[in-house]
């Protein structure tokens, strides 16, 4: 049997999700990519199904980018 972690989608494939493309325009690529990486790790750890990485990333995004100045 193959390693189930191999089912985790590539970062570029997840970032191509239209919801995440839009989020990158609003929140910035770095923030969205970080949230995607967290969702991918949760899938690798078996916490979520690999097919749900994009959905979990979208759900974890903040409504707006916040900075402290």
N, C-alpha and C. Protein backbone atom coordinates (compact mmCIF):
# COMPACT_ATOMS: atom_id res chain seq x y z
N UNK A 1 0.85 -1.18 0.00
CA UNK A 1 0.00 0.00 0.00
C UNK A 1 0.89 1.24 0.00
N UNK A 2 0.52 2.26 -0.78
CA UNK A 2 1.30 3.48 -0.87
C UNK A 2 1.12 4.37 0.35
N UNK A 3 1.99 5.33 0.45
CA UNK A 3 1.94 6.28 1.55
C UNK A 3 0.77 7.24 1.32
N UNK A 4 -0.21 7.28 2.24
CA UNK A 4 -1.37 8.16 2.04
C UNK A 4 -1.01 9.64 2.01
N UNK A 5 0.14 9.99 2.57
CA UNK A 5 0.55 11.40 2.54
C UNK A 5 0.82 11.87 1.13
N UNK A 6 1.08 10.93 0.23
CA UNK A 6 1.32 11.30 -1.18
C UNK A 6 0.05 11.82 -1.83
N UNK A 7 -1.10 11.58 -1.22
CA UNK A 7 -2.37 12.07 -1.76
C UNK A 7 -2.57 13.56 -1.49
N UNK A 8 -1.74 14.14 -0.63
CA UNK A 8 -1.87 15.56 -0.30
C UNK A 8 -1.55 16.37 -1.56
N UNK A 9 -2.46 17.27 -1.96
CA UNK A 9 -2.24 18.02 -3.20
C UNK A 9 -1.05 18.98 -3.08
N UNK A 10 -0.41 19.21 -4.22
CA UNK A 10 0.72 20.14 -4.29
C UNK A 10 0.25 21.56 -3.96
N UNK A 11 1.15 22.35 -3.44
CA UNK A 11 0.84 23.72 -3.06
C UNK A 11 0.31 24.51 -4.25
N UNK A 12 0.96 24.41 -5.41
CA UNK A 12 0.51 25.20 -6.57
C UNK A 12 -0.89 24.78 -7.00
N UNK A 13 -1.23 23.51 -6.86
CA UNK A 13 -2.57 23.05 -7.23
C UNK A 13 -3.61 23.62 -6.28
N UNK A 14 -3.29 23.67 -5.00
CA UNK A 14 -4.24 24.23 -4.03
C UNK A 14 -4.39 25.73 -4.25
N UNK A 15 -3.27 26.41 -4.47
CA UNK A 15 -3.32 27.87 -4.68
C UNK A 15 -4.07 28.24 -5.95
N UNK A 16 -4.25 27.31 -6.87
CA UNK A 16 -4.98 27.57 -8.11
C UNK A 16 -6.50 27.52 -7.91
N UNK A 17 -6.95 27.06 -6.74
CA UNK A 17 -8.38 27.06 -6.44
C UNK A 17 -8.89 28.50 -6.57
N UNK A 18 -9.97 28.73 -7.31
CA UNK A 18 -10.45 30.11 -7.52
C UNK A 18 -10.68 30.89 -6.24
N UNK A 19 -11.12 30.23 -5.19
CA UNK A 19 -11.34 30.93 -3.91
C UNK A 19 -10.03 31.42 -3.33
N UNK A 20 -8.98 30.63 -3.53
CA UNK A 20 -7.68 31.02 -2.99
C UNK A 20 -6.96 32.01 -3.90
N UNK A 21 -7.24 31.96 -5.19
CA UNK A 21 -6.71 32.98 -6.11
C UNK A 21 -7.25 34.34 -5.70
N UNK A 22 -8.55 34.40 -5.44
CA UNK A 22 -9.17 35.66 -5.00
C UNK A 22 -8.60 36.10 -3.66
N UNK A 23 -8.44 35.17 -2.75
CA UNK A 23 -7.90 35.50 -1.43
C UNK A 23 -6.48 36.06 -1.54
N UNK A 24 -5.69 35.54 -2.46
CA UNK A 24 -4.32 36.04 -2.65
C UNK A 24 -4.34 37.50 -3.08
N UNK A 25 -5.32 37.88 -3.88
CA UNK A 25 -5.43 39.26 -4.34
C UNK A 25 -5.80 40.20 -3.20
N UNK A 26 -6.57 39.69 -2.24
CA UNK A 26 -7.03 40.51 -1.12
C UNK A 26 -6.05 40.47 0.05
N UNK A 27 -5.58 39.27 0.38
CA UNK A 27 -4.79 39.08 1.58
C UNK A 27 -3.29 38.98 1.34
N UNK A 28 -2.91 38.73 0.11
CA UNK A 28 -1.50 38.55 -0.22
C UNK A 28 -1.12 37.09 -0.31
N UNK A 29 -0.20 36.81 -1.22
CA UNK A 29 0.19 35.42 -1.48
C UNK A 29 0.83 34.76 -0.26
N UNK A 30 1.68 35.48 0.45
CA UNK A 30 2.40 34.88 1.58
C UNK A 30 1.44 34.37 2.65
N UNK A 31 0.45 35.16 3.00
CA UNK A 31 -0.50 34.74 4.03
C UNK A 31 -1.30 33.53 3.57
N UNK A 32 -1.80 33.57 2.34
CA UNK A 32 -2.60 32.46 1.82
C UNK A 32 -1.75 31.20 1.71
N UNK A 33 -0.53 31.34 1.24
CA UNK A 33 0.35 30.17 1.11
C UNK A 33 0.63 29.56 2.48
N UNK A 34 0.78 30.37 3.50
CA UNK A 34 1.01 29.88 4.85
C UNK A 34 -0.19 29.07 5.36
N UNK A 35 -1.39 29.57 5.10
CA UNK A 35 -2.61 28.86 5.51
C UNK A 35 -2.73 27.54 4.75
N UNK A 36 -2.39 27.55 3.48
CA UNK A 36 -2.42 26.32 2.67
C UNK A 36 -1.42 25.31 3.23
N UNK A 37 -0.23 25.76 3.58
CA UNK A 37 0.79 24.86 4.13
C UNK A 37 0.30 24.23 5.44
N UNK A 38 -0.38 25.01 6.25
CA UNK A 38 -0.94 24.47 7.50
C UNK A 38 -1.98 23.39 7.20
N UNK A 39 -2.84 23.64 6.22
CA UNK A 39 -3.86 22.65 5.86
C UNK A 39 -3.22 21.39 5.28
N UNK A 40 -2.18 21.56 4.47
CA UNK A 40 -1.47 20.40 3.93
C UNK A 40 -0.86 19.57 5.05
N UNK A 41 -0.29 20.23 6.04
CA UNK A 41 0.32 19.50 7.16
C UNK A 41 -0.75 18.74 7.94
N UNK A 42 -1.90 19.35 8.13
CA UNK A 42 -2.99 18.65 8.81
C UNK A 42 -3.38 17.40 8.04
N UNK A 43 -3.37 17.47 6.71
CA UNK A 43 -3.68 16.29 5.90
C UNK A 43 -2.59 15.24 6.04
N UNK A 44 -1.34 15.66 6.04
CA UNK A 44 -0.23 14.71 6.22
C UNK A 44 -0.30 14.02 7.58
N UNK A 45 -0.76 14.77 8.58
CA UNK A 45 -0.89 14.22 9.94
C UNK A 45 -2.13 13.37 10.12
N UNK A 46 -2.97 13.31 9.08
CA UNK A 46 -4.18 12.50 9.14
C UNK A 46 -5.36 13.16 9.82
N UNK A 47 -5.25 14.47 10.11
CA UNK A 47 -6.33 15.20 10.77
C UNK A 47 -7.48 15.51 9.82
N UNK A 48 -7.16 15.72 8.55
CA UNK A 48 -8.19 15.99 7.54
C UNK A 48 -7.89 15.14 6.31
N UNK A 49 -8.90 14.95 5.49
CA UNK A 49 -8.74 14.20 4.25
C UNK A 49 -7.97 15.07 3.25
N UNK A 50 -7.02 14.49 2.52
CA UNK A 50 -6.27 15.27 1.54
C UNK A 50 -7.15 16.01 0.53
N UNK A 51 -8.30 15.46 0.21
CA UNK A 51 -9.19 16.12 -0.72
C UNK A 51 -9.87 17.36 -0.17
N UNK A 52 -9.69 17.59 1.12
CA UNK A 52 -10.32 18.74 1.77
C UNK A 52 -9.34 19.86 2.10
N UNK A 53 -8.12 19.76 1.60
CA UNK A 53 -7.11 20.76 1.93
C UNK A 53 -7.56 22.16 1.52
N UNK A 54 -8.02 22.34 0.30
CA UNK A 54 -8.44 23.68 -0.15
C UNK A 54 -9.60 24.20 0.68
N UNK A 55 -10.57 23.34 0.96
CA UNK A 55 -11.73 23.77 1.77
C UNK A 55 -11.29 24.22 3.15
N UNK A 56 -10.40 23.48 3.77
CA UNK A 56 -9.93 23.85 5.11
C UNK A 56 -9.08 25.11 5.06
N UNK A 57 -8.31 25.28 4.01
CA UNK A 57 -7.52 26.50 3.87
C UNK A 57 -8.44 27.71 3.74
N UNK A 58 -9.46 27.60 2.92
CA UNK A 58 -10.41 28.71 2.75
C UNK A 58 -11.07 29.04 4.08
N UNK A 59 -11.48 28.02 4.81
CA UNK A 59 -12.16 28.23 6.09
C UNK A 59 -11.24 28.88 7.13
N UNK A 60 -9.94 28.66 7.01
CA UNK A 60 -8.98 29.18 7.99
C UNK A 60 -8.50 30.60 7.66
N UNK A 61 -8.84 31.11 6.49
CA UNK A 61 -8.38 32.44 6.11
C UNK A 61 -9.04 33.52 6.96
N UNK A 62 -8.27 34.54 7.32
CA UNK A 62 -8.88 35.68 8.02
C UNK A 62 -9.73 36.49 7.04
N UNK A 63 -10.64 37.26 7.56
CA UNK A 63 -11.50 38.09 6.69
C UNK A 63 -10.70 39.22 6.05
N UNK A 64 -9.68 39.69 6.74
CA UNK A 64 -8.84 40.75 6.18
C UNK A 64 -7.42 40.58 6.70
N UNK A 65 -6.49 41.14 5.98
CA UNK A 65 -5.10 41.10 6.41
C UNK A 65 -4.92 42.14 7.51
N UNK A 66 -4.22 41.77 8.55
CA UNK A 66 -3.99 42.69 9.66
C UNK A 66 -2.49 42.88 9.82
N UNK A 67 -2.12 44.10 10.08
CA UNK A 67 -0.71 44.39 10.35
C UNK A 67 -0.62 45.22 11.61
N UNK A 68 0.47 45.08 12.28
CA UNK A 68 0.74 45.91 13.45
C UNK A 68 1.80 46.92 13.05
N UNK A 69 1.49 48.17 13.23
CA UNK A 69 2.44 49.23 12.89
C UNK A 69 2.63 50.13 14.05
